[in-house]
N, C-alpha and C. Protein backbone atom coordinates (compact mmCIF):
# COMPACT_ATOMS: atom_id res chain seq x y z
N MET A 1 -1.57 -14.20 14.94
CA MET A 1 -1.53 -15.20 13.88
C MET A 1 -0.65 -16.38 14.27
N ALA A 2 0.47 -16.08 14.93
CA ALA A 2 1.41 -17.15 15.29
C ALA A 2 0.79 -18.13 16.28
N VAL A 3 0.05 -17.61 17.27
CA VAL A 3 -0.50 -18.50 18.29
C VAL A 3 -1.81 -19.13 17.85
N ALA A 4 -2.46 -18.60 16.83
CA ALA A 4 -3.73 -19.15 16.37
C ALA A 4 -3.55 -20.23 15.31
N THR A 5 -2.33 -20.46 14.88
CA THR A 5 -2.06 -21.45 13.84
C THR A 5 -0.95 -22.38 14.33
N SER A 6 -0.81 -23.51 13.63
CA SER A 6 0.23 -24.46 14.03
C SER A 6 1.18 -24.83 12.90
N ARG A 7 0.76 -24.65 11.65
CA ARG A 7 1.62 -25.03 10.51
C ARG A 7 1.94 -23.86 9.59
N THR A 8 1.03 -22.90 9.49
CA THR A 8 1.20 -21.78 8.57
C THR A 8 2.40 -20.94 8.97
N ARG A 9 3.24 -20.61 7.99
CA ARG A 9 4.36 -19.71 8.26
C ARG A 9 3.84 -18.27 8.22
N VAL A 10 4.39 -17.41 9.07
CA VAL A 10 3.83 -16.08 9.28
C VAL A 10 4.90 -15.02 9.14
N GLY A 11 4.45 -13.80 8.83
CA GLY A 11 5.38 -12.69 8.74
C GLY A 11 4.83 -11.58 7.88
N CYS A 12 5.50 -10.44 7.89
CA CYS A 12 5.15 -9.32 7.02
C CYS A 12 5.91 -9.48 5.70
N ALA A 13 5.20 -9.30 4.60
CA ALA A 13 5.87 -9.43 3.31
C ALA A 13 7.04 -8.45 3.22
N VAL A 14 6.78 -7.19 3.57
CA VAL A 14 7.84 -6.18 3.52
C VAL A 14 7.65 -5.22 4.69
N THR A 15 8.47 -5.36 5.69
CA THR A 15 8.51 -4.39 6.79
C THR A 15 9.37 -3.21 6.36
N GLY A 16 8.83 -2.00 6.44
CA GLY A 16 9.62 -0.82 6.11
C GLY A 16 10.74 -0.63 7.13
N ASN A 17 11.98 -0.65 6.69
CA ASN A 17 13.11 -0.62 7.61
C ASN A 17 13.16 0.63 8.46
N ALA A 18 12.80 1.79 7.91
CA ALA A 18 13.04 3.05 8.61
C ALA A 18 12.09 3.30 9.77
N TYR A 19 11.07 2.48 9.94
CA TYR A 19 10.13 2.70 11.04
C TYR A 19 10.71 2.36 12.40
N ARG A 20 11.72 1.50 12.45
CA ARG A 20 12.27 1.04 13.73
C ARG A 20 13.79 0.93 13.63
N HIS A 21 14.45 1.09 14.75
CA HIS A 21 15.87 0.76 14.79
C HIS A 21 16.00 -0.74 14.53
N PRO A 22 16.96 -1.18 13.73
CA PRO A 22 17.04 -2.60 13.39
C PRO A 22 17.22 -3.51 14.61
N ALA A 23 17.81 -3.01 15.70
CA ALA A 23 17.95 -3.84 16.90
C ALA A 23 16.58 -4.12 17.52
N VAL A 24 15.71 -3.11 17.51
CA VAL A 24 14.35 -3.30 18.03
C VAL A 24 13.57 -4.27 17.14
N LEU A 25 13.71 -4.10 15.84
CA LEU A 25 13.04 -4.99 14.90
C LEU A 25 13.54 -6.42 15.04
N ALA A 26 14.83 -6.59 15.24
CA ALA A 26 15.40 -7.93 15.40
C ALA A 26 14.80 -8.62 16.63
N LYS A 27 14.64 -7.89 17.73
CA LYS A 27 14.06 -8.46 18.95
C LYS A 27 12.60 -8.83 18.73
N ALA A 28 11.82 -7.95 18.09
CA ALA A 28 10.41 -8.23 17.83
C ALA A 28 10.27 -9.48 16.96
N ALA A 29 11.13 -9.59 15.96
CA ALA A 29 11.06 -10.73 15.06
C ALA A 29 11.34 -12.04 15.80
N VAL A 30 12.31 -12.03 16.71
CA VAL A 30 12.62 -13.24 17.47
C VAL A 30 11.44 -13.62 18.36
N THR A 31 10.74 -12.64 18.91
CA THR A 31 9.55 -12.94 19.70
C THR A 31 8.53 -13.72 18.88
N VAL A 32 8.29 -13.28 17.64
CA VAL A 32 7.35 -13.99 16.77
C VAL A 32 7.87 -15.37 16.41
N ASP A 33 9.17 -15.48 16.19
CA ASP A 33 9.74 -16.79 15.87
C ASP A 33 9.51 -17.77 17.01
N HIS A 34 9.63 -17.28 18.25
CA HIS A 34 9.39 -18.15 19.40
C HIS A 34 7.90 -18.44 19.59
N LEU A 35 7.05 -17.44 19.46
CA LEU A 35 5.60 -17.65 19.59
C LEU A 35 5.08 -18.66 18.59
N SER A 36 5.70 -18.71 17.42
CA SER A 36 5.24 -19.59 16.35
C SER A 36 5.96 -20.92 16.32
N GLY A 37 6.92 -21.12 17.22
CA GLY A 37 7.69 -22.36 17.19
C GLY A 37 8.60 -22.46 15.99
N GLY A 38 9.10 -21.31 15.52
CA GLY A 38 10.05 -21.31 14.40
C GLY A 38 9.40 -21.24 13.04
N ARG A 39 8.33 -20.44 12.92
CA ARG A 39 7.63 -20.34 11.63
C ARG A 39 7.67 -18.94 11.04
N LEU A 40 8.58 -18.09 11.52
CA LEU A 40 8.65 -16.72 11.02
C LEU A 40 9.34 -16.66 9.67
N GLU A 41 8.75 -15.90 8.76
CA GLU A 41 9.39 -15.47 7.52
C GLU A 41 9.61 -13.96 7.67
N PHE A 42 10.86 -13.53 7.67
CA PHE A 42 11.20 -12.14 8.00
C PHE A 42 11.35 -11.32 6.73
N GLY A 43 10.36 -10.46 6.45
CA GLY A 43 10.40 -9.62 5.25
C GLY A 43 10.78 -8.19 5.56
N ILE A 44 11.65 -7.61 4.75
CA ILE A 44 12.10 -6.24 4.98
C ILE A 44 12.41 -5.57 3.65
N GLY A 45 12.23 -4.25 3.62
CA GLY A 45 12.54 -3.48 2.43
C GLY A 45 12.88 -2.05 2.81
N VAL A 46 13.19 -1.23 1.81
CA VAL A 46 13.64 0.13 2.09
C VAL A 46 12.51 1.02 2.60
N GLY A 47 11.26 0.70 2.27
CA GLY A 47 10.13 1.56 2.63
C GLY A 47 9.84 2.54 1.51
N TRP A 48 8.56 2.92 1.42
CA TRP A 48 8.16 3.79 0.30
C TRP A 48 7.13 4.86 0.70
N ALA A 49 6.44 4.69 1.84
CA ALA A 49 5.31 5.57 2.19
C ALA A 49 5.82 6.84 2.86
N GLU A 50 6.10 7.85 2.06
CA GLU A 50 6.65 9.09 2.61
C GLU A 50 5.69 9.73 3.59
N ASN A 51 4.37 9.65 3.32
CA ASN A 51 3.40 10.29 4.21
C ASN A 51 3.46 9.71 5.62
N GLU A 52 3.69 8.40 5.73
CA GLU A 52 3.76 7.79 7.06
C GLU A 52 4.99 8.27 7.81
N HIS A 53 6.11 8.40 7.11
CA HIS A 53 7.31 8.90 7.76
C HIS A 53 7.11 10.35 8.21
N THR A 54 6.47 11.15 7.35
CA THR A 54 6.26 12.56 7.68
C THR A 54 5.37 12.71 8.90
N MET A 55 4.27 11.99 8.96
CA MET A 55 3.33 12.17 10.07
C MET A 55 3.89 11.65 11.39
N LEU A 56 4.87 10.74 11.32
CA LEU A 56 5.48 10.21 12.53
C LEU A 56 6.79 10.92 12.89
N GLY A 57 7.19 11.88 12.06
CA GLY A 57 8.43 12.61 12.33
C GLY A 57 9.67 11.77 12.09
N LEU A 58 9.58 10.79 11.20
CA LEU A 58 10.72 9.92 10.91
C LEU A 58 11.41 10.40 9.63
N PRO A 59 12.74 10.31 9.57
CA PRO A 59 13.43 10.70 8.34
C PRO A 59 13.06 9.76 7.19
N PHE A 60 12.78 10.33 6.04
CA PHE A 60 12.46 9.53 4.85
C PHE A 60 13.65 9.44 3.93
N GLY A 61 14.40 10.53 3.82
CA GLY A 61 15.62 10.53 3.02
C GLY A 61 15.36 10.33 1.54
N THR A 62 16.45 10.14 0.82
CA THR A 62 16.37 9.84 -0.61
C THR A 62 16.32 8.33 -0.80
N ALA A 63 16.09 7.91 -2.03
CA ALA A 63 16.12 6.47 -2.32
C ALA A 63 17.48 5.89 -1.96
N GLY A 64 18.54 6.64 -2.21
CA GLY A 64 19.88 6.19 -1.87
C GLY A 64 20.09 6.08 -0.36
N ASP A 65 19.53 7.06 0.38
CA ASP A 65 19.61 7.00 1.84
C ASP A 65 18.94 5.73 2.36
N ARG A 66 17.74 5.45 1.86
CA ARG A 66 16.98 4.31 2.36
C ARG A 66 17.67 3.00 2.02
N ALA A 67 18.33 2.95 0.86
CA ALA A 67 19.10 1.76 0.52
C ALA A 67 20.30 1.60 1.45
N ASP A 68 20.96 2.72 1.77
CA ASP A 68 22.08 2.67 2.71
C ASP A 68 21.63 2.15 4.07
N TRP A 69 20.48 2.66 4.55
CA TRP A 69 19.96 2.24 5.85
C TRP A 69 19.63 0.75 5.84
N LEU A 70 19.01 0.29 4.76
CA LEU A 70 18.63 -1.13 4.68
C LEU A 70 19.87 -2.02 4.66
N GLU A 71 20.88 -1.63 3.90
CA GLU A 71 22.07 -2.45 3.80
C GLU A 71 22.73 -2.62 5.18
N GLU A 72 22.82 -1.53 5.94
CA GLU A 72 23.38 -1.64 7.28
C GLU A 72 22.44 -2.41 8.21
N ALA A 73 21.13 -2.17 8.09
CA ALA A 73 20.18 -2.83 8.98
C ALA A 73 20.24 -4.35 8.83
N CYS A 74 20.39 -4.84 7.61
CA CYS A 74 20.49 -6.29 7.41
C CYS A 74 21.70 -6.86 8.15
N GLN A 75 22.81 -6.12 8.13
CA GLN A 75 24.00 -6.59 8.84
C GLN A 75 23.79 -6.56 10.35
N VAL A 76 23.13 -5.52 10.85
CA VAL A 76 22.86 -5.40 12.29
C VAL A 76 21.96 -6.54 12.75
N ILE A 77 20.88 -6.78 12.01
CA ILE A 77 19.91 -7.80 12.41
C ILE A 77 20.54 -9.19 12.40
N ARG A 78 21.26 -9.51 11.35
CA ARG A 78 21.89 -10.83 11.29
C ARG A 78 22.92 -11.02 12.40
N SER A 79 23.66 -9.96 12.71
CA SER A 79 24.67 -10.11 13.76
C SER A 79 24.02 -10.31 15.12
N LEU A 80 22.92 -9.62 15.39
CA LEU A 80 22.22 -9.78 16.67
C LEU A 80 21.60 -11.17 16.78
N TRP A 81 21.17 -11.73 15.67
CA TRP A 81 20.57 -13.07 15.67
C TRP A 81 21.61 -14.18 15.85
N THR A 82 22.84 -13.93 15.47
CA THR A 82 23.81 -15.03 15.38
C THR A 82 25.01 -14.90 16.31
N GLN A 83 25.29 -13.70 16.84
CA GLN A 83 26.48 -13.50 17.65
C GLN A 83 26.12 -13.32 19.12
N GLU A 84 26.96 -13.86 20.00
CA GLU A 84 26.72 -13.73 21.44
C GLU A 84 26.75 -12.26 21.85
N ARG A 85 27.72 -11.52 21.36
CA ARG A 85 27.78 -10.07 21.55
C ARG A 85 28.11 -9.45 20.19
N ALA A 86 27.28 -8.55 19.77
CA ALA A 86 27.41 -7.98 18.43
C ALA A 86 27.93 -6.55 18.50
N SER A 87 28.91 -6.27 17.66
CA SER A 87 29.41 -4.90 17.50
C SER A 87 29.34 -4.54 16.02
N PHE A 88 28.98 -3.30 15.76
CA PHE A 88 28.85 -2.85 14.37
C PHE A 88 29.12 -1.36 14.33
N ALA A 89 30.02 -0.95 13.47
CA ALA A 89 30.38 0.46 13.34
C ALA A 89 29.98 0.95 11.96
N GLY A 90 28.71 1.24 11.80
CA GLY A 90 28.22 1.72 10.52
C GLY A 90 28.09 3.24 10.52
N GLN A 91 27.75 3.78 9.38
CA GLN A 91 27.53 5.22 9.28
C GLN A 91 26.22 5.62 9.93
N HIS A 92 25.24 4.69 9.92
CA HIS A 92 23.90 5.02 10.40
C HIS A 92 23.52 4.28 11.67
N TYR A 93 24.08 3.09 11.88
CA TYR A 93 23.77 2.30 13.07
C TYR A 93 25.07 1.83 13.72
N GLN A 94 25.07 1.82 15.06
CA GLN A 94 26.24 1.36 15.79
C GLN A 94 25.81 0.41 16.91
N LEU A 95 26.55 -0.65 17.08
CA LEU A 95 26.37 -1.58 18.20
C LEU A 95 27.70 -1.72 18.92
N THR A 96 27.66 -1.83 20.24
CA THR A 96 28.88 -2.03 21.01
C THR A 96 28.64 -3.17 22.00
N GLY A 97 29.14 -4.34 21.66
CA GLY A 97 28.97 -5.49 22.53
C GLY A 97 27.51 -5.76 22.86
N ALA A 98 26.63 -5.62 21.88
CA ALA A 98 25.18 -5.71 22.12
C ALA A 98 24.77 -7.16 22.37
N VAL A 99 23.94 -7.35 23.39
CA VAL A 99 23.40 -8.66 23.72
C VAL A 99 21.94 -8.71 23.25
N ALA A 100 21.58 -9.74 22.53
CA ALA A 100 20.20 -9.95 22.08
C ALA A 100 19.84 -11.41 22.33
N GLU A 101 19.12 -11.65 23.40
CA GLU A 101 18.72 -13.00 23.78
C GLU A 101 17.21 -13.04 24.03
N PRO A 102 16.57 -14.16 23.75
CA PRO A 102 17.13 -15.39 23.20
C PRO A 102 17.39 -15.26 21.70
N LYS A 103 18.12 -16.22 21.16
CA LYS A 103 18.33 -16.26 19.73
C LYS A 103 17.09 -16.86 19.06
N PRO A 104 16.96 -16.72 17.74
CA PRO A 104 15.81 -17.29 17.07
C PRO A 104 15.72 -18.81 17.24
N VAL A 105 14.51 -19.33 17.14
CA VAL A 105 14.33 -20.78 17.10
C VAL A 105 15.00 -21.34 15.86
N GLN A 106 14.78 -20.68 14.72
CA GLN A 106 15.36 -21.13 13.45
C GLN A 106 16.84 -20.75 13.41
N GLN A 107 17.65 -21.70 13.03
CA GLN A 107 19.09 -21.48 12.99
C GLN A 107 19.60 -21.62 11.56
N PRO A 108 20.54 -20.74 11.14
CA PRO A 108 21.14 -19.70 11.97
C PRO A 108 20.22 -18.52 12.25
N HIS A 109 19.15 -18.36 11.43
CA HIS A 109 18.18 -17.29 11.66
C HIS A 109 16.99 -17.52 10.74
N PRO A 110 15.87 -16.83 10.97
CA PRO A 110 14.72 -16.98 10.08
C PRO A 110 15.06 -16.57 8.65
N PRO A 111 14.36 -17.14 7.67
CA PRO A 111 14.58 -16.72 6.28
C PRO A 111 14.32 -15.22 6.14
N ILE A 112 15.23 -14.54 5.46
CA ILE A 112 15.10 -13.10 5.21
C ILE A 112 14.54 -12.89 3.81
N TRP A 113 13.39 -12.24 3.75
CA TRP A 113 12.81 -11.83 2.47
C TRP A 113 13.15 -10.36 2.26
N ILE A 114 13.72 -10.03 1.14
CA ILE A 114 13.98 -8.63 0.81
C ILE A 114 13.11 -8.27 -0.39
N GLY A 115 12.23 -7.29 -0.17
CA GLY A 115 11.28 -6.90 -1.20
C GLY A 115 11.72 -5.63 -1.90
N GLY A 116 11.47 -5.57 -3.20
CA GLY A 116 11.78 -4.37 -3.94
C GLY A 116 12.26 -4.68 -5.35
N ALA A 117 12.33 -3.62 -6.16
CA ALA A 117 12.70 -3.79 -7.56
C ALA A 117 13.83 -2.87 -7.98
N GLY A 118 14.50 -2.24 -7.03
CA GLY A 118 15.62 -1.36 -7.38
C GLY A 118 16.77 -2.16 -7.97
N ARG A 119 17.06 -1.91 -9.22
CA ARG A 119 18.01 -2.75 -9.94
C ARG A 119 19.44 -2.60 -9.43
N ARG A 120 19.83 -1.41 -9.02
CA ARG A 120 21.22 -1.17 -8.65
C ARG A 120 21.50 -1.48 -7.19
N ARG A 121 20.60 -1.09 -6.28
CA ARG A 121 20.88 -1.23 -4.86
C ARG A 121 20.06 -2.34 -4.19
N THR A 122 18.72 -2.28 -4.32
CA THR A 122 17.89 -3.24 -3.59
C THR A 122 18.20 -4.67 -4.00
N LEU A 123 18.34 -4.92 -5.29
CA LEU A 123 18.62 -6.28 -5.74
C LEU A 123 20.04 -6.70 -5.34
N ARG A 124 20.96 -5.77 -5.21
CA ARG A 124 22.29 -6.14 -4.73
C ARG A 124 22.24 -6.50 -3.24
N ILE A 125 21.45 -5.75 -2.47
CA ILE A 125 21.29 -6.08 -1.05
C ILE A 125 20.63 -7.45 -0.92
N ALA A 126 19.66 -7.73 -1.79
CA ALA A 126 19.04 -9.06 -1.79
C ALA A 126 20.07 -10.13 -2.09
N ALA A 127 20.95 -9.87 -3.04
CA ALA A 127 21.99 -10.86 -3.37
C ALA A 127 22.89 -11.12 -2.16
N GLN A 128 23.12 -10.10 -1.36
CA GLN A 128 24.00 -10.24 -0.20
C GLN A 128 23.33 -10.94 0.98
N HIS A 129 22.04 -10.68 1.19
CA HIS A 129 21.43 -11.07 2.46
C HIS A 129 20.16 -11.92 2.36
N ALA A 130 19.51 -11.99 1.23
CA ALA A 130 18.17 -12.58 1.17
C ALA A 130 18.19 -14.10 1.04
N SER A 131 17.23 -14.72 1.70
CA SER A 131 16.87 -16.11 1.40
C SER A 131 15.82 -16.14 0.30
N VAL A 132 15.00 -15.07 0.26
CA VAL A 132 13.94 -14.94 -0.73
C VAL A 132 13.92 -13.50 -1.22
N TRP A 133 13.84 -13.33 -2.54
CA TRP A 133 13.60 -12.01 -3.11
C TRP A 133 12.11 -11.91 -3.43
N ASN A 134 11.48 -10.81 -3.01
CA ASN A 134 10.05 -10.61 -3.23
C ASN A 134 9.83 -9.45 -4.19
N ALA A 135 9.32 -9.76 -5.37
CA ALA A 135 9.02 -8.73 -6.37
C ALA A 135 7.67 -8.10 -6.06
N PRO A 136 7.58 -6.78 -6.06
CA PRO A 136 6.32 -6.10 -5.74
C PRO A 136 5.39 -6.02 -6.95
N GLY A 137 5.01 -7.17 -7.49
CA GLY A 137 4.16 -7.19 -8.68
C GLY A 137 4.99 -7.21 -9.95
N GLY A 138 4.29 -6.93 -11.05
CA GLY A 138 4.94 -6.98 -12.36
C GLY A 138 4.55 -8.23 -13.11
N SER A 139 4.61 -8.15 -14.42
CA SER A 139 4.28 -9.30 -15.26
C SER A 139 5.35 -10.37 -15.12
N PRO A 140 5.06 -11.61 -15.55
CA PRO A 140 6.10 -12.63 -15.52
C PRO A 140 7.37 -12.21 -16.27
N GLU A 141 7.20 -11.50 -17.38
CA GLU A 141 8.36 -11.06 -18.15
C GLU A 141 9.17 -10.03 -17.37
N GLU A 142 8.49 -9.11 -16.69
CA GLU A 142 9.20 -8.10 -15.90
C GLU A 142 9.91 -8.72 -14.71
N VAL A 143 9.25 -9.69 -14.06
CA VAL A 143 9.88 -10.36 -12.92
C VAL A 143 11.09 -11.16 -13.39
N ALA A 144 10.99 -11.80 -14.55
CA ALA A 144 12.12 -12.56 -15.10
C ALA A 144 13.30 -11.64 -15.38
N ASP A 145 13.03 -10.44 -15.89
CA ASP A 145 14.10 -9.48 -16.17
C ASP A 145 14.80 -9.08 -14.88
N LEU A 146 14.03 -8.74 -13.84
CA LEU A 146 14.62 -8.36 -12.57
C LEU A 146 15.36 -9.53 -11.92
N SER A 147 14.82 -10.73 -12.08
CA SER A 147 15.48 -11.91 -11.55
C SER A 147 16.86 -12.10 -12.18
N GLY A 148 16.95 -11.78 -13.46
CA GLY A 148 18.25 -11.84 -14.13
C GLY A 148 19.24 -10.83 -13.57
N VAL A 149 18.75 -9.64 -13.21
CA VAL A 149 19.61 -8.64 -12.56
C VAL A 149 20.11 -9.18 -11.23
N LEU A 150 19.22 -9.82 -10.46
CA LEU A 150 19.62 -10.42 -9.19
C LEU A 150 20.69 -11.48 -9.41
N ASP A 151 20.53 -12.29 -10.43
CA ASP A 151 21.55 -13.31 -10.75
C ASP A 151 22.91 -12.67 -11.01
N ARG A 152 22.91 -11.56 -11.72
CA ARG A 152 24.19 -10.91 -12.04
C ARG A 152 24.84 -10.33 -10.78
N HIS A 153 24.03 -9.78 -9.88
CA HIS A 153 24.60 -9.30 -8.62
C HIS A 153 25.19 -10.46 -7.83
N CYS A 154 24.50 -11.60 -7.84
CA CYS A 154 25.03 -12.78 -7.14
C CYS A 154 26.38 -13.19 -7.73
N ALA A 155 26.49 -13.16 -9.05
CA ALA A 155 27.74 -13.53 -9.70
C ALA A 155 28.86 -12.59 -9.30
N GLU A 156 28.54 -11.31 -9.16
CA GLU A 156 29.57 -10.32 -8.82
C GLU A 156 30.10 -10.50 -7.40
N ILE A 157 29.24 -10.97 -6.48
CA ILE A 157 29.70 -11.12 -5.08
C ILE A 157 30.06 -12.57 -4.75
N GLY A 158 29.92 -13.48 -5.73
CA GLY A 158 30.32 -14.86 -5.52
C GLY A 158 29.30 -15.70 -4.79
N ARG A 159 28.02 -15.39 -4.93
CA ARG A 159 26.98 -16.19 -4.30
C ARG A 159 26.21 -16.97 -5.35
N ASP A 160 25.84 -18.20 -5.01
CA ASP A 160 25.06 -19.03 -5.90
C ASP A 160 23.63 -18.50 -5.94
N PRO A 161 23.13 -18.01 -7.09
CA PRO A 161 21.78 -17.45 -7.14
C PRO A 161 20.69 -18.46 -6.82
N ARG A 162 21.01 -19.75 -6.91
CA ARG A 162 20.01 -20.76 -6.59
C ARG A 162 19.70 -20.82 -5.10
N GLU A 163 20.51 -20.13 -4.28
CA GLU A 163 20.23 -20.06 -2.85
C GLU A 163 19.08 -19.11 -2.53
N ILE A 164 18.66 -18.30 -3.50
CA ILE A 164 17.64 -17.28 -3.27
C ILE A 164 16.36 -17.66 -4.01
N ARG A 165 15.29 -17.94 -3.25
CA ARG A 165 13.99 -18.20 -3.87
C ARG A 165 13.43 -16.91 -4.44
N ARG A 166 12.59 -17.05 -5.46
CA ARG A 166 11.98 -15.89 -6.11
C ARG A 166 10.49 -15.89 -5.81
N SER A 167 9.96 -14.75 -5.40
CA SER A 167 8.55 -14.63 -5.07
C SER A 167 7.99 -13.37 -5.69
N VAL A 168 6.66 -13.30 -5.75
CA VAL A 168 6.02 -12.12 -6.33
C VAL A 168 4.68 -11.90 -5.65
N GLN A 169 4.33 -10.63 -5.48
CA GLN A 169 3.03 -10.26 -4.95
C GLN A 169 2.03 -10.19 -6.10
N VAL A 170 0.90 -10.87 -5.93
CA VAL A 170 -0.09 -10.98 -7.01
C VAL A 170 -1.46 -10.60 -6.50
N ARG A 171 -2.11 -9.64 -7.14
CA ARG A 171 -3.51 -9.38 -6.85
C ARG A 171 -4.34 -10.52 -7.46
N ILE A 172 -5.18 -11.14 -6.66
CA ILE A 172 -5.90 -12.33 -7.11
C ILE A 172 -6.81 -11.98 -8.29
N PRO A 173 -6.65 -12.66 -9.43
CA PRO A 173 -7.52 -12.39 -10.58
C PRO A 173 -8.98 -12.75 -10.29
N ALA A 174 -9.85 -12.44 -11.26
CA ALA A 174 -11.29 -12.60 -11.06
C ALA A 174 -11.71 -14.06 -10.97
N THR A 175 -11.03 -14.95 -11.70
CA THR A 175 -11.47 -16.34 -11.74
C THR A 175 -10.31 -17.27 -11.37
N PRO A 176 -10.63 -18.46 -10.85
CA PRO A 176 -9.58 -19.43 -10.55
C PRO A 176 -8.74 -19.80 -11.75
N ASP A 177 -9.36 -19.92 -12.92
CA ASP A 177 -8.60 -20.29 -14.12
C ASP A 177 -7.57 -19.22 -14.46
N GLU A 178 -7.94 -17.95 -14.27
CA GLU A 178 -6.98 -16.88 -14.53
C GLU A 178 -5.81 -16.95 -13.55
N LEU A 179 -6.12 -17.27 -12.28
CA LEU A 179 -5.07 -17.40 -11.28
C LEU A 179 -4.13 -18.55 -11.62
N LEU A 180 -4.69 -19.68 -12.06
CA LEU A 180 -3.87 -20.84 -12.42
C LEU A 180 -2.96 -20.52 -13.60
N ALA A 181 -3.50 -19.82 -14.59
CA ALA A 181 -2.69 -19.47 -15.75
C ALA A 181 -1.56 -18.52 -15.37
N LEU A 182 -1.88 -17.55 -14.51
CA LEU A 182 -0.86 -16.59 -14.08
C LEU A 182 0.21 -17.28 -13.26
N ALA A 183 -0.20 -18.18 -12.36
CA ALA A 183 0.77 -18.91 -11.54
C ALA A 183 1.69 -19.75 -12.40
N ALA A 184 1.15 -20.40 -13.41
CA ALA A 184 1.98 -21.21 -14.30
C ALA A 184 2.98 -20.34 -15.05
N ALA A 185 2.56 -19.14 -15.44
CA ALA A 185 3.47 -18.24 -16.16
C ALA A 185 4.61 -17.78 -15.25
N TYR A 186 4.31 -17.50 -13.98
CA TYR A 186 5.37 -17.13 -13.05
C TYR A 186 6.29 -18.31 -12.77
N ALA A 187 5.70 -19.49 -12.60
CA ALA A 187 6.53 -20.67 -12.33
C ALA A 187 7.50 -20.93 -13.48
N ALA A 188 7.08 -20.63 -14.69
CA ALA A 188 7.92 -20.86 -15.86
C ALA A 188 9.17 -19.99 -15.87
N VAL A 189 9.14 -18.85 -15.15
CA VAL A 189 10.31 -17.98 -15.10
C VAL A 189 11.02 -18.09 -13.75
N GLY A 190 10.70 -19.15 -12.98
CA GLY A 190 11.46 -19.44 -11.78
C GLY A 190 10.88 -18.96 -10.47
N VAL A 191 9.66 -18.42 -10.49
CA VAL A 191 9.02 -17.98 -9.25
C VAL A 191 8.49 -19.20 -8.50
N THR A 192 8.83 -19.30 -7.22
CA THR A 192 8.39 -20.44 -6.41
C THR A 192 7.35 -20.07 -5.36
N ASP A 193 7.20 -18.77 -5.05
CA ASP A 193 6.29 -18.34 -3.99
C ASP A 193 5.40 -17.20 -4.50
N LEU A 194 4.10 -17.43 -4.45
CA LEU A 194 3.14 -16.38 -4.79
C LEU A 194 2.52 -15.84 -3.51
N LEU A 195 2.55 -14.53 -3.33
CA LEU A 195 1.84 -13.88 -2.24
C LEU A 195 0.55 -13.30 -2.81
N LEU A 196 -0.56 -13.94 -2.47
CA LEU A 196 -1.85 -13.56 -3.05
C LEU A 196 -2.46 -12.41 -2.26
N ILE A 197 -2.74 -11.31 -2.92
CA ILE A 197 -3.25 -10.10 -2.28
C ILE A 197 -4.75 -10.02 -2.46
N LEU A 198 -5.49 -9.91 -1.35
CA LEU A 198 -6.94 -9.75 -1.39
C LEU A 198 -7.28 -8.30 -1.70
N HIS A 199 -8.20 -8.08 -2.65
CA HIS A 199 -8.53 -6.70 -3.00
C HIS A 199 -9.98 -6.54 -3.42
N ALA A 200 -10.80 -7.59 -3.25
CA ALA A 200 -12.20 -7.52 -3.67
C ALA A 200 -13.04 -6.79 -2.63
N ALA A 201 -14.26 -6.43 -3.03
CA ALA A 201 -15.18 -5.79 -2.10
C ALA A 201 -15.50 -6.71 -0.92
N ASP A 202 -15.50 -8.01 -1.18
CA ASP A 202 -15.72 -9.01 -0.12
C ASP A 202 -14.46 -9.85 -0.01
N PRO A 203 -13.46 -9.39 0.77
CA PRO A 203 -12.18 -10.10 0.82
C PRO A 203 -12.29 -11.49 1.44
N VAL A 204 -13.25 -11.70 2.34
CA VAL A 204 -13.40 -13.02 2.95
C VAL A 204 -13.81 -14.04 1.88
N ALA A 205 -14.79 -13.67 1.07
CA ALA A 205 -15.24 -14.57 0.00
C ALA A 205 -14.11 -14.82 -0.99
N GLN A 206 -13.33 -13.78 -1.29
CA GLN A 206 -12.22 -13.94 -2.22
C GLN A 206 -11.17 -14.88 -1.64
N ALA A 207 -10.90 -14.76 -0.33
CA ALA A 207 -9.94 -15.65 0.31
C ALA A 207 -10.42 -17.09 0.28
N GLU A 208 -11.71 -17.30 0.54
CA GLU A 208 -12.25 -18.66 0.54
C GLU A 208 -12.17 -19.27 -0.86
N GLN A 209 -12.47 -18.46 -1.89
CA GLN A 209 -12.36 -18.97 -3.26
C GLN A 209 -10.92 -19.33 -3.60
N ALA A 210 -9.98 -18.46 -3.17
CA ALA A 210 -8.57 -18.76 -3.42
C ALA A 210 -8.15 -20.02 -2.69
N GLY A 211 -8.67 -20.21 -1.47
CA GLY A 211 -8.35 -21.41 -0.71
C GLY A 211 -8.82 -22.67 -1.40
N GLU A 212 -9.98 -22.60 -2.01
CA GLU A 212 -10.49 -23.76 -2.75
C GLU A 212 -9.64 -24.07 -3.97
N THR A 213 -8.94 -23.07 -4.47
CA THR A 213 -8.11 -23.23 -5.67
C THR A 213 -6.72 -23.79 -5.34
N LEU A 214 -6.33 -23.76 -4.08
CA LEU A 214 -4.96 -24.11 -3.72
C LEU A 214 -4.52 -25.50 -4.19
N PRO A 215 -5.34 -26.55 -4.04
CA PRO A 215 -4.87 -27.86 -4.55
C PRO A 215 -4.56 -27.83 -6.03
N ARG A 216 -5.41 -27.18 -6.83
CA ARG A 216 -5.15 -27.06 -8.27
C ARG A 216 -3.91 -26.20 -8.53
N LEU A 217 -3.74 -25.17 -7.69
CA LEU A 217 -2.59 -24.29 -7.85
C LEU A 217 -1.29 -25.04 -7.61
N ARG A 218 -1.27 -25.85 -6.54
CA ARG A 218 -0.06 -26.64 -6.24
C ARG A 218 0.23 -27.62 -7.37
N ALA A 219 -0.80 -28.27 -7.88
CA ALA A 219 -0.61 -29.25 -8.94
C ALA A 219 -0.10 -28.59 -10.23
N ALA A 220 -0.57 -27.38 -10.48
CA ALA A 220 -0.19 -26.71 -11.73
C ALA A 220 1.22 -26.15 -11.69
N THR A 221 1.75 -25.89 -10.49
CA THR A 221 3.06 -25.22 -10.41
C THR A 221 4.11 -26.11 -9.78
């Protein structure tokens, strides 16, 4: 995708953290940032697919375990992207004078999207590390409620919540008018980025219809 396009920003909405050591993930992400000329959007979350972890022999842990892993992974990844030699003494990950070159094209690093709706842990990790919070669906009212939780976490750690864009994953409705109405409702509660999910029997046709709606969508929001 990175080499086939020139303007579109690329990335995974939510990369499950537990599938890879964060140092390996950080290196892979930088490769995409370079291939795209600095167009990577780096999405990460705690992960949820227990069956995938089981079939690959990877630890799945509890929800608390996965939040702990993600919190440390964000620190590891950012340090590898920004420090000449990175050291980290965590409970789950350790670095000792680690070298990760080249650094990302985007400085200080690509935007970090943290996806999830965990009110106590995931949203606090987003407050600490995210450029964008990505809500995994939900009505505009539900997203607004979670966004308020994120604001409170920001206040507790002394971060300006306006530094974090709000996004949501949306299954494309049946008609363009429905999509426009839904987008306007999300925009009214502070959502700036919609991730449109294809789910029709003919996803290509659905994508083309959504593409035709984009000018109206931009004007409406």
